[in-house]
Amino acid sequence: MAVLLIFTHQITPRVTYITRQLFTRMLGIELQLTTKVEDFIAHKGPKITYTRQPLQNEFFIRSHELLFQHGVDEVEVQIGQWDHLPCFFRAGERSNIPYDILAASFYLITRYEEYLPHVKDVHGRYPPGESIAAQAGCLRQPLVDQWVYKLLAALQERFPDLKARPEPYRFVPVVDVTTSHCYALRGGLRSLGGMLYDLSRFRMRRVWERIRVWFRPSLDPYDNYDRLIALHKEVPVEAMYFFQFAEYSTYDKNVSTNNNKFRHLIKSVADYSVVSLSVSYTGARDTRVMKEEKKRLAEVLNRPVSYSRLRYNRVEIPQTYRDLVEAEFKEDYTMGYSYDLGFRAGTCTPYFFYDLALESQQPIRIVPFALHDYALLRLESPRARWEAMDQLYRSVKEVNGTLVCIFSNELLGGHQTEDWMALYAEVLKKYHA
């Protein structure tokens, strides 16, 4: 297999990080970096010069200064077009590609813009409308992956022996269980309080549902786990479940972690699928609570808990990932937007978190999602939903990426006007292969 050699004037942690992500992890190309001109000239295989000026007539990408800086500063970003793809960090006429996609990819993947001053929403989240991708109208495109495949095509024109061996397309359905039951397993006082609250607001449908569930707990609308397991077997797909296992609070209102039936439910689901932790609203900002939730769920499962999702997708860069590293999570599935479809980090390929303040790659893998059920709720019609989902699927499949979709058991079982479970079943069948 041909080794791709990249010459640069300085091998920084940023250069190492992004070249490994783009060439090794995305394309499966063996890579070496060098600062020695004589080694570069002597190399007989494919090679790139990544610096300010070309050495000879080699494949040249004129470098932006971003990958040779430290810390975070305001960076000018002007959106242009590269064969109908939005792009930025123009490289100049002498460059073999018109934009420095290494620096642009680093900017998006590290969420550089989220380190800069911005106004957060009510839950402390980064608003999607603030992002470059949303402002450029390309949030639903995995731009980084699309750029990389355009670069690959240009390289293969110059070096026909350069072969890419990317990982195949993957589809990962995620079931988010922050509220395992709507009425059942709630305990006498909480159930009575809920009944009085519904009566005070004349929610007679909910009153009737409560009474039915009290006598037959299996009728709880959120208790759809047997059906989900059967669906995942039928397709088949390797689904993941994220259960919240937290103390009661303003935003965390799940069944008590001491409830034996709740614990049995978690263990029974874990017999068929990967089960991990949906970190509570409180735990997302308190590492002590986060660690305790992780420990207690591991005790129920009798196995390590390695994956995380955060309640309400409350990712705060970089602190969230520092906390997850401290709590010894290995992968996180929170990188995305709750109410907007698309690629928050500009990519559909998992990547390791790079901490700009520490200037180093951190030992936690981020698996970004593009499709969230509450974003689908905001689309006007079933046709609009399928058009949007099909667009995401095609764009991910074309670049051998990973399509992660998030559905909550609440929406799948609790929506009164539409059959979201039927939609979910169709999503599994349509996108799994």
Protein backbone atom coordinates (compact mmCIF):
# COMPACT_ATOMS: atom_id res chain seq x y z
CA MET A 1 0.00 0.00 0.00
CA ALA A 2 1.41 3.38 -1.05
CA VAL A 3 2.37 5.69 1.80
CA LEU A 4 1.27 9.31 1.47
CA LEU A 5 4.03 11.68 2.57
CA ILE A 6 3.18 15.22 3.63
CA PHE A 7 5.90 17.84 3.87
CA THR A 8 5.24 20.82 6.12
CA HIS A 9 7.46 23.46 7.66
CA GLN A 10 6.30 22.56 11.19
CA ILE A 11 4.65 19.41 12.55
CA THR A 12 2.27 20.77 15.16
CA PRO A 13 -0.28 18.81 17.23
CA ARG A 14 -2.99 20.38 15.06
CA VAL A 15 -1.36 19.24 11.81
CA THR A 16 -0.88 15.72 13.17
CA TYR A 17 -4.45 15.53 14.48
CA ILE A 18 -6.28 16.68 11.35
CA THR A 19 -4.14 14.80 8.81
CA ARG A 20 -4.68 11.56 10.70
CA GLN A 21 -8.42 12.20 10.89
CA LEU A 22 -8.80 13.04 7.20
CA PHE A 23 -6.40 10.63 5.56
CA THR A 24 -6.07 7.71 7.98
CA ARG A 25 -9.47 7.51 9.70
CA MET A 26 -11.67 8.71 6.84
CA LEU A 27 -9.84 7.32 3.81
CA GLY A 28 -7.74 4.49 5.25
CA ILE A 29 -4.52 5.86 3.72
CA GLU A 30 -1.18 5.25 5.42
CA LEU A 31 0.38 8.60 6.23
CA GLN A 32 3.72 10.08 7.19
CA LEU A 33 4.68 13.69 8.01
CA THR A 34 8.10 15.22 7.48
CA THR A 35 9.89 18.55 7.76
CA LYS A 36 12.95 17.32 5.85
CA VAL A 37 13.13 18.50 2.25
CA GLU A 38 15.56 15.74 1.24
CA ASP A 39 13.20 13.01 2.50
CA PHE A 40 10.32 14.58 0.62
CA ILE A 41 12.25 14.82 -2.66
CA ALA A 42 13.51 11.24 -2.35
CA HIS A 43 10.02 9.81 -1.73
CA LYS A 44 8.78 7.96 -4.83
CA GLY A 45 5.15 7.56 -3.79
CA PRO A 46 2.27 10.04 -3.46
CA LYS A 47 3.19 13.24 -1.63
CA ILE A 48 1.82 16.66 -0.72
CA THR A 49 3.53 19.88 0.23
CA TYR A 50 1.54 21.65 2.92
CA THR A 51 3.23 24.96 3.60
CA ARG A 52 3.32 28.55 2.30
CA GLN A 53 5.33 27.93 -0.90
CA PRO A 54 5.80 24.85 -3.13
CA LEU A 55 9.21 23.18 -3.30
CA GLN A 56 9.05 22.04 -6.93
CA ASN A 57 6.19 21.00 -9.16
CA GLU A 58 4.65 18.69 -6.55
CA PHE A 59 1.03 18.50 -5.34
CA PHE A 60 0.78 21.65 -3.28
CA ILE A 61 -1.78 22.90 -0.75
CA ARG A 62 -1.03 26.40 0.45
CA SER A 63 -1.45 26.35 4.21
CA HIS A 64 -3.58 28.68 6.26
CA GLU A 65 -1.99 29.81 9.52
CA LEU A 66 -4.67 28.14 11.70
CA LEU A 67 -2.85 24.81 12.09
CA PHE A 68 0.33 26.56 13.23
CA GLN A 69 -1.26 28.76 15.90
CA HIS A 70 -1.94 28.15 19.59
CA GLY A 71 -5.10 28.84 21.53
CA VAL A 72 -8.19 30.55 20.16
CA ASP A 73 -8.35 33.88 18.31
CA GLU A 74 -10.87 35.46 15.99
CA VAL A 75 -10.35 33.94 12.52
CA GLU A 76 -11.73 35.53 9.37
CA VAL A 77 -14.01 33.10 7.55
CA GLN A 78 -15.24 33.97 4.07
CA ILE A 79 -17.44 31.37 2.43
CA GLY A 80 -16.69 30.59 -1.21
CA GLN A 81 -17.46 27.73 -3.59
CA TRP A 82 -15.38 24.73 -4.63
CA ASP A 83 -17.30 23.10 -7.49
CA HIS A 84 -20.67 23.81 -5.83
CA LEU A 85 -19.42 22.90 -2.34
CA PRO A 86 -19.25 25.72 0.22
CA CYS A 87 -15.69 26.15 1.45
CA PHE A 88 -13.43 28.64 3.23
CA PHE A 89 -9.78 29.52 3.87
CA ARG A 90 -8.87 30.29 0.26
CA ALA A 91 -5.45 28.93 -0.71
CA GLY A 92 -4.53 31.04 -3.77
CA GLU A 93 -3.81 30.32 -7.42
CA ARG A 94 -0.64 28.27 -6.99
CA SER A 95 -2.37 25.73 -4.77
CA ASN A 96 -3.60 22.54 -6.47
CA ILE A 97 -6.90 22.88 -4.63
CA PRO A 98 -8.51 26.30 -4.13
CA TYR A 99 -9.04 26.04 -0.35
CA ASP A 100 -7.04 24.79 2.59
CA ILE A 101 -9.46 22.06 3.59
CA LEU A 102 -7.11 20.80 6.30
CA ALA A 103 -7.48 24.04 8.25
CA ALA A 104 -11.18 24.37 7.36
CA SER A 105 -11.85 20.80 8.53
CA PHE A 106 -9.97 21.46 11.77
CA TYR A 107 -12.06 24.59 12.34
CA LEU A 108 -15.33 22.64 11.99
CA ILE A 109 -14.40 19.39 13.73
CA THR A 110 -12.89 21.05 16.81
CA ARG A 111 -15.94 23.35 17.01
CA TYR A 112 -13.54 26.31 17.00
CA GLU A 113 -16.47 28.71 16.66
CA GLU A 114 -17.96 27.44 19.92
CA TYR A 115 -14.90 28.64 21.82
CA LEU A 116 -15.59 32.17 20.58
CA PRO A 117 -18.06 34.48 22.37
CA HIS A 118 -21.69 33.64 21.62
CA VAL A 119 -25.13 33.82 23.24
CA LYS A 120 -26.31 30.46 24.61
CA ASP A 121 -29.91 29.28 24.72
CA VAL A 122 -31.91 28.72 27.91
CA HIS A 123 -30.18 25.36 28.53
CA GLY A 124 -26.68 26.70 27.93
CA ARG A 125 -26.40 25.24 24.43
CA TYR A 126 -24.76 26.66 21.34
CA PRO A 127 -27.50 27.93 18.96
CA PRO A 128 -27.29 26.29 15.51
CA GLY A 129 -28.11 29.59 13.82
CA GLU A 130 -24.77 30.95 15.06
CA SER A 131 -22.81 28.34 13.14
CA ILE A 132 -21.01 28.93 9.85
CA ALA A 133 -22.70 25.90 8.35
CA ALA A 134 -26.20 27.20 9.10
CA GLN A 135 -25.38 30.68 7.83
CA ALA A 136 -23.95 29.20 4.63
CA GLY A 137 -27.01 26.98 4.17
CA CYS A 138 -25.04 23.74 4.32
CA LEU A 139 -25.79 22.36 7.79
CA ARG A 140 -27.27 19.20 6.24
CA GLN A 141 -24.08 18.42 4.33
CA PRO A 142 -21.11 16.50 5.81
CA LEU A 143 -18.79 19.11 4.35
CA VAL A 144 -15.56 17.77 5.81
CA ASP A 145 -16.14 14.32 4.31
CA GLN A 146 -17.20 15.80 0.97
CA TRP A 147 -14.06 17.98 0.86
CA VAL A 148 -11.85 14.99 1.63
CA TYR A 149 -13.29 12.93 -1.22
CA LYS A 150 -12.76 15.81 -3.64
CA LEU A 151 -9.16 16.04 -2.46
CA LEU A 152 -8.80 12.26 -2.92
CA ALA A 153 -10.02 12.52 -6.52
CA ALA A 154 -7.47 15.29 -7.23
CA LEU A 155 -4.67 13.26 -5.65
CA GLN A 156 -5.56 10.13 -7.61
CA GLU A 157 -5.34 12.08 -10.86
CA ARG A 158 -1.73 12.87 -9.98
CA PHE A 159 -0.98 9.56 -8.24
CA PRO A 160 -3.05 6.72 -9.80
CA ASP A 161 -1.49 4.16 -7.44
CA LEU A 162 -2.93 5.92 -4.37
CA LYS A 163 -5.68 3.68 -3.02
CA ALA A 164 -8.19 4.58 -0.34
CA ARG A 165 -9.59 1.94 2.00
CA PRO A 166 -12.34 3.70 3.96
CA GLU A 167 -14.54 1.95 6.47
CA PRO A 168 -17.96 1.07 4.98
CA TYR A 169 -21.12 3.07 5.59
CA ARG A 170 -22.71 2.45 9.01
CA PHE A 171 -26.18 3.11 10.35
CA VAL A 172 -26.60 3.48 14.12
CA PRO A 173 -30.10 3.89 15.58
CA VAL A 174 -30.12 5.31 19.11
CA VAL A 175 -33.08 5.06 21.48
CA ASP A 176 -32.91 7.80 24.11
CA VAL A 177 -34.70 6.76 27.33
CA THR A 178 -34.75 9.78 29.61
CA THR A 179 -38.27 8.91 30.79
CA SER A 180 -38.82 5.17 30.81
CA HIS A 181 -42.54 5.29 31.72
CA CYS A 182 -45.18 7.96 31.45
CA TYR A 183 -47.37 6.78 34.35
CA ALA A 184 -46.19 3.37 35.56
CA LEU A 185 -43.58 2.72 38.28
CA ARG A 186 -43.94 6.26 39.57
CA GLY A 187 -44.87 5.57 43.18
CA GLY A 188 -48.06 6.57 45.01
CA LEU A 189 -47.31 10.21 45.82
CA ARG A 190 -45.92 11.11 42.39
CA SER A 191 -48.83 9.37 40.65
CA LEU A 192 -51.41 11.12 42.81
CA GLY A 193 -49.69 14.47 42.27
CA GLY A 194 -49.70 13.89 38.51
CA MET A 195 -53.38 12.97 38.56
CA LEU A 196 -54.32 16.15 40.46
CA TYR A 197 -52.21 18.26 38.10
CA ASP A 198 -53.95 16.78 35.03
CA LEU A 199 -57.38 17.28 36.61
CA SER A 200 -56.60 20.91 37.42
CA ARG A 201 -55.89 21.51 33.73
CA PHE A 202 -58.80 19.37 32.46
CA ARG A 203 -56.50 16.90 30.71
CA MET A 204 -59.10 14.17 30.76
CA ARG A 205 -57.36 11.97 28.20
CA ARG A 206 -54.28 11.78 30.43
CA VAL A 207 -56.48 11.12 33.48
CA TRP A 208 -58.08 8.16 31.70
CA GLU A 209 -54.69 6.87 30.54
CA ARG A 210 -53.36 7.06 34.09
CA ILE A 211 -56.25 5.04 35.46
CA ARG A 212 -55.82 2.37 32.79
CA VAL A 213 -52.07 2.08 33.44
CA TRP A 214 -52.60 1.84 37.21
CA PHE A 215 -54.57 -1.36 36.61
CA ARG A 216 -52.47 -2.60 33.65
CA PRO A 217 -48.92 -1.15 33.72
CA SER A 218 -48.14 -2.77 30.35
CA LEU A 219 -50.41 -0.18 28.71
CA ASP A 220 -48.03 2.66 29.58
CA PRO A 221 -47.48 4.52 26.28
CA TYR A 222 -43.70 4.78 26.80
CA ASP A 223 -43.36 1.06 27.51
CA ASN A 224 -42.52 0.08 23.93
CA TYR A 225 -39.31 -1.86 24.58
CA ASP A 226 -40.56 -5.28 23.44
CA ARG A 227 -41.71 -3.80 20.15
CA LEU A 228 -38.41 -1.97 19.66
CA ILE A 229 -36.38 -5.10 20.35
CA ALA A 230 -38.51 -7.03 17.86
CA LEU A 231 -38.01 -4.32 15.23
CA HIS A 232 -34.26 -4.29 15.71
CA LYS A 233 -34.19 -8.08 15.31
CA GLU A 234 -36.38 -8.02 12.22
CA VAL A 235 -34.31 -5.52 10.18
CA PRO A 236 -31.68 -6.34 11.70
CA VAL A 237 -29.69 -3.45 13.17
CA GLU A 238 -27.39 -2.99 16.15
CA ALA A 239 -29.29 -0.36 18.12
CA MET A 240 -28.07 1.48 21.20
CA TYR A 241 -30.15 2.49 24.22
CA PHE A 242 -29.22 5.32 26.55
CA PHE A 243 -31.08 5.13 29.87
CA GLN A 244 -31.19 8.00 32.31
CA PHE A 245 -30.36 6.71 35.79
CA ALA A 246 -30.58 9.82 37.94
CA GLU A 247 -32.06 11.34 41.04
CA TYR A 248 -35.28 13.34 40.69
CA SER A 249 -34.84 17.04 39.83
CA THR A 250 -36.54 19.86 37.93
CA TYR A 251 -35.47 18.48 34.54
CA ASP A 252 -34.83 14.85 35.51
CA LYS A 253 -38.10 13.12 36.26
CA ASN A 254 -37.52 9.50 35.48
CA VAL A 255 -38.53 6.49 37.56
CA SER A 256 -36.61 6.05 40.80
CA THR A 257 -33.27 4.30 40.37
CA ASN A 258 -34.21 2.10 43.35
CA ASN A 259 -37.26 0.68 41.57
CA ASN A 260 -36.57 -3.02 40.96
CA LYS A 261 -38.86 -3.22 37.94
CA PHE A 262 -36.98 -0.32 36.34
CA ARG A 263 -33.68 -2.04 37.03
CA HIS A 264 -35.02 -5.30 35.57
CA LEU A 265 -36.14 -3.43 32.44
CA ILE A 266 -32.63 -2.04 31.90
CA LYS A 267 -31.05 -5.46 32.33
CA SER A 268 -33.54 -7.11 30.00
CA VAL A 269 -32.91 -4.55 27.23
CA ALA A 270 -29.15 -5.03 27.71
CA ASP A 271 -29.61 -8.71 26.81
CA TYR A 272 -30.34 -7.61 23.23
CA SER A 273 -28.57 -4.28 22.67
CA VAL A 274 -25.85 -1.99 23.93
CA VAL A 275 -27.11 -0.05 26.95
CA SER A 276 -25.30 2.99 28.28
CA LEU A 277 -25.89 6.22 30.18
CA SER A 278 -28.00 9.23 29.32
CA VAL A 279 -26.32 11.71 31.65
CA SER A 280 -28.89 13.76 33.56
CA TYR A 281 -29.41 17.50 33.30
CA THR A 282 -27.72 17.88 36.68
CA GLY A 283 -24.90 15.47 35.87
CA ALA A 284 -24.03 17.33 32.68
CA ARG A 285 -22.65 20.19 34.80
CA ASP A 286 -21.49 18.23 37.85
CA THR A 287 -18.82 15.56 37.37
CA ARG A 288 -19.46 14.12 40.83
CA VAL A 289 -23.07 13.39 39.88
CA MET A 290 -22.03 12.16 36.44
CA LYS A 291 -19.60 9.65 37.92
CA GLU A 292 -22.17 8.45 40.45
CA GLU A 293 -24.79 7.86 37.74
CA LYS A 294 -22.25 5.95 35.65
CA LYS A 295 -21.19 3.82 38.62
CA ARG A 296 -24.76 2.95 39.64
CA LEU A 297 -25.81 1.99 36.12
CA ALA A 298 -22.70 -0.19 35.78
CA GLU A 299 -23.71 -1.98 38.97
CA VAL A 300 -27.14 -2.73 37.50
CA LEU A 301 -25.68 -3.95 34.20
CA ASN A 302 -22.80 -5.76 35.88
CA ARG A 303 -20.51 -4.46 33.12
CA PRO A 304 -18.62 -1.22 32.38
CA VAL A 305 -20.51 1.79 31.01
CA SER A 306 -18.43 3.28 28.20
CA TYR A 307 -20.80 5.46 26.17
CA SER A 308 -22.61 8.67 27.02
CA ARG A 309 -25.34 11.00 25.86
CA LEU A 310 -26.29 14.20 27.63
CA ARG A 311 -29.83 15.27 28.53
CA TYR A 312 -31.11 17.91 26.07
CA ASN A 313 -27.84 17.55 24.10
CA ARG A 314 -26.17 19.97 26.51
CA VAL A 315 -22.66 20.02 25.05
CA GLU A 316 -20.55 22.93 26.21
CA ILE A 317 -17.19 23.05 24.46
CA PRO A 318 -14.65 22.18 25.87
CA GLN A 319 -15.85 21.55 29.44
CA THR A 320 -18.33 18.78 28.61
CA TYR A 321 -15.67 16.60 27.04
CA ARG A 322 -13.18 17.31 29.80
CA ASP A 323 -15.81 16.08 32.26
CA LEU A 324 -16.56 12.98 30.20
CA VAL A 325 -12.85 12.17 30.02
CA GLU A 326 -12.58 12.59 33.79
CA ALA A 327 -15.55 10.23 34.21
CA GLU A 328 -13.74 7.73 31.92
CA PHE A 329 -16.29 7.54 29.12
CA LYS A 330 -14.87 6.24 25.84
CA GLU A 331 -17.46 7.53 23.35
CA ASP A 332 -20.09 10.26 23.31
CA TYR A 333 -23.21 10.52 21.14
CA THR A 334 -24.30 14.10 21.89
CA MET A 335 -22.67 16.06 19.05
CA GLY A 336 -25.66 17.40 17.14
CA TYR A 337 -28.65 19.70 17.44
CA SER A 338 -31.97 18.82 19.05
CA TYR A 339 -34.17 20.86 16.74
CA ASP A 340 -32.13 21.08 13.52
CA LEU A 341 -31.16 18.24 11.21
CA GLY A 342 -27.56 18.17 10.07
CA PHE A 343 -23.92 17.95 11.02
CA ARG A 344 -22.95 20.19 13.93
CA ALA A 345 -19.24 19.39 13.48
CA GLY A 346 -19.44 19.26 9.68
CA THR A 347 -18.69 15.54 9.54
CA CYS A 348 -20.41 12.16 9.60
CA THR A 349 -17.25 10.31 10.64
CA PRO A 350 -16.46 9.67 14.33
CA TYR A 351 -13.44 11.56 15.63
CA PHE A 352 -11.49 12.15 18.81
CA PHE A 353 -12.02 15.38 20.69
CA TYR A 354 -9.24 17.95 20.31
CA ASP A 355 -8.99 20.43 23.18
CA LEU A 356 -7.85 23.78 21.78
CA ALA A 357 -6.90 25.13 25.20
CA LEU A 358 -4.68 22.12 25.94
CA GLU A 359 -3.59 21.72 22.28
CA SER A 360 -3.95 17.95 22.40
CA GLN A 361 -6.21 15.12 21.31
CA GLN A 362 -8.26 13.73 24.19
CA PRO A 363 -9.13 10.07 24.82
CA ILE A 364 -12.82 10.33 24.01
CA ARG A 365 -14.33 9.51 20.64
CA ILE A 366 -17.19 11.70 19.42
CA VAL A 367 -19.85 9.99 17.29
CA PRO A 368 -21.89 12.84 15.75
CA PHE A 369 -25.58 12.45 14.95
CA ALA A 370 -27.42 14.13 12.09
CA LEU A 371 -31.03 13.12 12.70
CA HIS A 372 -33.02 13.85 15.85
CA ASP A 373 -36.72 13.06 16.19
CA TYR A 374 -37.54 16.46 17.68
CA ALA A 375 -36.01 18.11 14.62
CA LEU A 376 -38.35 16.02 12.48
CA LEU A 377 -41.29 17.29 14.52
CA ARG A 378 -40.56 20.80 13.27
CA LEU A 379 -40.96 19.80 9.62
CA GLU A 380 -44.40 20.45 8.24
CA SER A 381 -45.33 17.19 6.54
CA PRO A 382 -44.33 13.51 6.21
CA ARG A 383 -43.09 14.31 2.71
CA ALA A 384 -40.78 17.06 4.00
CA ARG A 385 -39.44 14.69 6.65
CA TRP A 386 -38.63 11.94 4.19
CA GLU A 387 -37.03 14.33 1.74
CA ALA A 388 -34.79 15.69 4.50
CA MET A 389 -33.89 12.23 5.82
CA ASP A 390 -33.22 10.85 2.34
CA GLN A 391 -30.88 13.77 1.66
CA LEU A 392 -28.95 13.02 4.86
CA TYR A 393 -28.79 9.31 4.04
CA ARG A 394 -27.50 9.86 0.49
CA SER A 395 -24.87 12.36 1.57
CA VAL A 396 -23.56 10.03 4.31
CA LYS A 397 -23.62 6.93 2.10
CA GLU A 398 -21.64 8.69 -0.64
CA VAL A 399 -18.73 9.35 1.72
CA ASN A 400 -18.84 6.04 3.63
CA GLY A 401 -19.82 7.82 6.82
CA THR A 402 -21.86 6.88 9.88
CA LEU A 403 -25.52 7.89 9.99
CA VAL A 404 -26.66 8.18 13.60
CA CYS A 405 -30.32 8.86 14.32
CA ILE A 406 -31.76 9.69 17.75
CA PHE A 407 -35.32 8.67 18.65
CA SER A 408 -36.78 8.88 22.14
CA ASN A 409 -39.10 6.23 23.52
CA GLU A 410 -41.38 9.12 24.57
CA LEU A 411 -42.07 10.30 21.03
CA LEU A 412 -42.26 6.75 19.69
CA GLY A 413 -44.94 5.84 22.21
CA GLY A 414 -46.55 9.02 23.41
CA HIS A 415 -47.51 11.10 20.38
CA GLN A 416 -51.25 11.15 19.91
CA THR A 417 -51.68 12.38 16.33
CA GLU A 418 -49.04 10.45 14.34
CA ASP A 419 -47.61 6.95 14.33
CA TRP A 420 -43.94 7.67 15.01
CA MET A 421 -43.20 4.03 15.67
CA ALA A 422 -44.23 3.22 12.09
CA LEU A 423 -41.95 6.01 10.83
CA TYR A 424 -39.08 4.66 12.94
CA ALA A 425 -39.62 1.15 11.56
CA GLU A 426 -39.44 2.53 8.02
CA VAL A 427 -36.26 4.45 8.86
CA LEU A 428 -34.63 1.22 10.05
CA LYS A 429 -35.56 -0.66 6.89
CA LYS A 430 -34.61 2.14 4.53
CA TYR A 431 -31.25 3.24 5.92
CA HIS A 432 -29.69 0.20 7.60
CA ALA A 433 -27.98 -1.28 4.52
